[in-house]
Amino acid sequence: MQGVLPLPDLAGLMSGNFVGLASDCDAPEPEVVDLVAEHLADGMMLPFVLLTDAEGRFLAGSHGVVRPDALKEMVEGVLD
């Protein structure tokens, strides 16, 4: 994610629409655990990316390698 989020296309899109949260993978918050268990139960590889609304409801997500084009597509799909 460190190499993906700063890319100009994604940085503007993310900063204008989302608040970032980095959770400790060894001690994630219970709400994060619940979202992953319910929506990304087959996830096996870090990083986990979760897009939620302001109330914490799951909108989209992924796990494993984050390709800039795939993340941009996921974010744009949520914003449409």
N, C-alpha and C. Protein backbone atom coordinates (compact mmCIF):
# COMPACT_ATOMS: atom_id res chain seq x y z
N MET A 1 0.81 -1.18 0.00
CA MET A 1 0.00 0.00 0.00
C MET A 1 0.87 1.26 0.00
N GLN A 2 2.05 1.18 0.62
CA GLN A 2 2.91 2.36 0.70
C GLN A 2 3.33 2.85 -0.67
N GLY A 3 3.44 1.95 -1.62
CA GLY A 3 3.83 2.34 -2.96
C GLY A 3 2.65 2.66 -3.86
N VAL A 4 1.44 2.33 -3.42
CA VAL A 4 0.25 2.50 -4.25
C VAL A 4 -0.51 3.77 -3.90
N LEU A 5 -0.76 4.00 -2.63
CA LEU A 5 -1.58 5.14 -2.21
C LEU A 5 -1.01 6.50 -2.60
N PRO A 6 0.31 6.68 -2.62
CA PRO A 6 0.83 8.00 -3.00
C PRO A 6 0.73 8.32 -4.51
N LEU A 7 0.40 7.34 -5.34
CA LEU A 7 0.31 7.61 -6.77
C LEU A 7 -0.73 8.71 -7.02
N PRO A 8 -0.43 9.66 -7.89
CA PRO A 8 -1.30 10.82 -8.08
C PRO A 8 -2.77 10.48 -8.33
N ASP A 9 -3.04 9.51 -9.18
CA ASP A 9 -4.43 9.14 -9.47
C ASP A 9 -5.17 8.67 -8.22
N LEU A 10 -4.47 7.92 -7.40
CA LEU A 10 -5.11 7.36 -6.20
C LEU A 10 -5.09 8.32 -5.03
N ALA A 11 -4.02 9.06 -4.87
CA ALA A 11 -3.91 9.95 -3.71
C ALA A 11 -5.06 10.95 -3.67
N GLY A 12 -5.36 11.59 -4.79
CA GLY A 12 -6.45 12.55 -4.83
C GLY A 12 -7.80 11.91 -4.63
N LEU A 13 -7.98 10.76 -5.25
CA LEU A 13 -9.25 10.04 -5.15
C LEU A 13 -9.50 9.58 -3.71
N MET A 14 -8.47 9.07 -3.07
CA MET A 14 -8.62 8.57 -1.71
C MET A 14 -8.76 9.72 -0.71
N SER A 15 -7.90 10.71 -0.79
CA SER A 15 -7.91 11.78 0.21
C SER A 15 -9.18 12.61 0.15
N GLY A 16 -9.78 12.71 -1.00
CA GLY A 16 -11.00 13.49 -1.12
C GLY A 16 -12.26 12.75 -0.71
N ASN A 17 -12.15 11.43 -0.48
CA ASN A 17 -13.35 10.63 -0.22
C ASN A 17 -13.26 9.67 0.95
N PHE A 18 -12.07 9.41 1.47
CA PHE A 18 -11.91 8.40 2.51
C PHE A 18 -10.96 8.87 3.60
N VAL A 19 -11.10 8.28 4.76
CA VAL A 19 -10.16 8.47 5.86
C VAL A 19 -9.43 7.15 6.02
N GLY A 20 -8.13 7.19 6.03
CA GLY A 20 -7.35 5.97 6.12
C GLY A 20 -7.19 5.48 7.55
N LEU A 21 -7.17 4.17 7.72
CA LEU A 21 -6.90 3.54 9.00
C LEU A 21 -5.95 2.39 8.75
N ALA A 22 -4.84 2.40 9.43
CA ALA A 22 -3.92 1.28 9.38
C ALA A 22 -4.09 0.50 10.68
N SER A 23 -4.44 -0.76 10.56
CA SER A 23 -4.69 -1.60 11.72
C SER A 23 -3.53 -2.58 11.88
N ASP A 24 -3.16 -2.85 13.11
CA ASP A 24 -2.10 -3.81 13.41
C ASP A 24 -2.59 -5.21 13.07
N CYS A 25 -1.93 -5.87 12.12
CA CYS A 25 -2.39 -7.20 11.70
C CYS A 25 -2.28 -8.24 12.80
N ASP A 26 -1.45 -7.99 13.81
CA ASP A 26 -1.32 -8.93 14.92
C ASP A 26 -2.33 -8.67 16.03
N ALA A 27 -2.95 -7.50 16.02
CA ALA A 27 -3.95 -7.16 17.05
C ALA A 27 -4.98 -6.19 16.47
N PRO A 28 -5.71 -6.64 15.44
CA PRO A 28 -6.68 -5.74 14.80
C PRO A 28 -7.87 -5.44 15.72
N GLU A 29 -8.48 -4.31 15.48
CA GLU A 29 -9.67 -3.92 16.22
C GLU A 29 -10.78 -4.93 15.96
N PRO A 30 -11.63 -5.18 16.95
CA PRO A 30 -12.72 -6.16 16.79
C PRO A 30 -13.61 -5.86 15.58
N GLU A 31 -13.86 -4.59 15.30
CA GLU A 31 -14.70 -4.23 14.15
C GLU A 31 -14.05 -4.64 12.84
N VAL A 32 -12.73 -4.52 12.77
CA VAL A 32 -12.00 -4.94 11.56
C VAL A 32 -12.07 -6.45 11.41
N VAL A 33 -11.87 -7.16 12.50
CA VAL A 33 -11.96 -8.64 12.48
C VAL A 33 -13.34 -9.07 11.98
N ASP A 34 -14.38 -8.42 12.49
CA ASP A 34 -15.75 -8.77 12.10
C ASP A 34 -15.98 -8.53 10.61
N LEU A 35 -15.51 -7.39 10.09
CA LEU A 35 -15.69 -7.09 8.67
C LEU A 35 -14.96 -8.10 7.78
N VAL A 36 -13.74 -8.44 8.16
CA VAL A 36 -12.97 -9.41 7.38
C VAL A 36 -13.65 -10.78 7.43
N ALA A 37 -14.07 -11.19 8.61
CA ALA A 37 -14.71 -12.51 8.75
C ALA A 37 -15.98 -12.59 7.91
N GLU A 38 -16.73 -11.51 7.86
CA GLU A 38 -18.00 -11.54 7.13
C GLU A 38 -17.83 -11.37 5.63
N HIS A 39 -16.88 -10.52 5.21
CA HIS A 39 -16.81 -10.16 3.79
C HIS A 39 -15.57 -10.65 3.05
N LEU A 40 -14.52 -10.98 3.76
CA LEU A 40 -13.29 -11.46 3.11
C LEU A 40 -12.80 -12.73 3.80
N ALA A 41 -13.72 -13.61 4.12
CA ALA A 41 -13.39 -14.81 4.88
C ALA A 41 -12.35 -15.69 4.18
N ASP A 42 -12.27 -15.61 2.85
CA ASP A 42 -11.30 -16.41 2.12
C ASP A 42 -9.94 -15.73 2.03
N GLY A 43 -9.81 -14.54 2.60
CA GLY A 43 -8.55 -13.79 2.55
C GLY A 43 -7.43 -14.50 3.28
N MET A 44 -6.30 -14.63 2.59
CA MET A 44 -5.17 -15.35 3.18
C MET A 44 -3.89 -14.51 3.23
N MET A 45 -3.86 -13.41 2.49
CA MET A 45 -2.60 -12.69 2.35
C MET A 45 -2.80 -11.20 2.62
N LEU A 46 -1.86 -10.62 3.34
CA LEU A 46 -1.84 -9.18 3.56
C LEU A 46 -1.39 -8.48 2.29
N PRO A 47 -1.79 -7.25 2.10
CA PRO A 47 -2.65 -6.45 2.96
C PRO A 47 -4.12 -6.72 2.68
N PHE A 48 -4.94 -6.46 3.69
CA PHE A 48 -6.38 -6.45 3.52
C PHE A 48 -6.78 -4.99 3.31
N VAL A 49 -7.58 -4.73 2.31
CA VAL A 49 -8.07 -3.39 2.04
C VAL A 49 -9.59 -3.43 2.20
N LEU A 50 -10.10 -2.60 3.09
CA LEU A 50 -11.53 -2.53 3.32
C LEU A 50 -11.99 -1.11 3.06
N LEU A 51 -13.01 -0.96 2.25
CA LEU A 51 -13.65 0.33 2.06
C LEU A 51 -14.99 0.26 2.76
N THR A 52 -15.24 1.20 3.66
CA THR A 52 -16.49 1.24 4.40
C THR A 52 -17.10 2.63 4.28
N ASP A 53 -18.37 2.73 4.66
CA ASP A 53 -18.98 4.04 4.72
C ASP A 53 -18.67 4.65 6.10
N ALA A 54 -19.20 5.83 6.36
CA ALA A 54 -18.90 6.55 7.60
C ALA A 54 -19.36 5.79 8.84
N GLU A 55 -20.32 4.89 8.68
CA GLU A 55 -20.82 4.11 9.81
C GLU A 55 -20.09 2.78 9.96
N GLY A 56 -19.10 2.51 9.11
CA GLY A 56 -18.33 1.27 9.20
C GLY A 56 -18.93 0.10 8.45
N ARG A 57 -19.91 0.36 7.60
CA ARG A 57 -20.51 -0.72 6.80
C ARG A 57 -19.62 -1.01 5.59
N PHE A 58 -19.39 -2.28 5.35
CA PHE A 58 -18.53 -2.74 4.26
C PHE A 58 -19.09 -2.31 2.90
N LEU A 59 -18.22 -1.74 2.07
CA LEU A 59 -18.59 -1.37 0.70
C LEU A 59 -17.86 -2.23 -0.33
N ALA A 60 -16.58 -2.46 -0.09
CA ALA A 60 -15.75 -3.26 -1.00
C ALA A 60 -14.46 -3.62 -0.28
N GLY A 61 -13.74 -4.58 -0.83
CA GLY A 61 -12.48 -4.94 -0.21
C GLY A 61 -11.69 -5.92 -1.04
N SER A 62 -10.46 -6.11 -0.63
CA SER A 62 -9.58 -7.06 -1.30
C SER A 62 -8.51 -7.53 -0.33
N HIS A 63 -7.76 -8.51 -0.76
CA HIS A 63 -6.63 -9.00 0.02
C HIS A 63 -5.54 -9.43 -0.93
N GLY A 64 -4.32 -9.40 -0.44
CA GLY A 64 -3.18 -9.77 -1.27
C GLY A 64 -2.61 -8.57 -2.01
N VAL A 65 -1.88 -8.86 -3.05
CA VAL A 65 -1.20 -7.82 -3.83
C VAL A 65 -2.20 -6.76 -4.28
N VAL A 66 -1.83 -5.49 -4.07
CA VAL A 66 -2.70 -4.38 -4.45
C VAL A 66 -2.13 -3.73 -5.72
N ARG A 67 -2.84 -3.93 -6.82
CA ARG A 67 -2.44 -3.28 -8.07
C ARG A 67 -3.13 -1.92 -8.13
N PRO A 68 -2.38 -0.88 -8.52
CA PRO A 68 -2.98 0.45 -8.56
C PRO A 68 -4.25 0.52 -9.39
N ASP A 69 -4.27 -0.11 -10.55
CA ASP A 69 -5.45 -0.04 -11.42
C ASP A 69 -6.66 -0.74 -10.78
N ALA A 70 -6.42 -1.85 -10.09
CA ALA A 70 -7.51 -2.58 -9.44
C ALA A 70 -8.06 -1.79 -8.26
N LEU A 71 -7.18 -1.15 -7.49
CA LEU A 71 -7.64 -0.34 -6.36
C LEU A 71 -8.43 0.86 -6.85
N LYS A 72 -7.93 1.51 -7.90
CA LYS A 72 -8.65 2.66 -8.46
C LYS A 72 -10.04 2.24 -8.95
N GLU A 73 -10.13 1.12 -9.62
CA GLU A 73 -11.41 0.62 -10.10
C GLU A 73 -12.36 0.32 -8.95
N MET A 74 -11.84 -0.29 -7.87
CA MET A 74 -12.67 -0.60 -6.72
C MET A 74 -13.19 0.69 -6.08
N VAL A 75 -12.33 1.68 -5.88
CA VAL A 75 -12.72 2.94 -5.26
C VAL A 75 -13.74 3.66 -6.13
N GLU A 76 -13.47 3.73 -7.42
CA GLU A 76 -14.43 4.41 -8.32
C GLU A 76 -15.77 3.70 -8.33
N GLY A 77 -15.76 2.37 -8.25
CA GLY A 77 -17.01 1.62 -8.20
C GLY A 77 -17.83 1.93 -6.96
N VAL A 78 -17.17 2.13 -5.85
CA VAL A 78 -17.86 2.48 -4.60
C VAL A 78 -18.42 3.90 -4.68
N LEU A 79 -17.69 4.77 -5.33
CA LEU A 79 -18.12 6.18 -5.40
C LEU A 79 -19.23 6.42 -6.41
N ASP A 80 -19.42 5.49 -7.35
CA ASP A 80 -20.48 5.67 -8.36
C ASP A 80 -21.86 5.51 -7.80
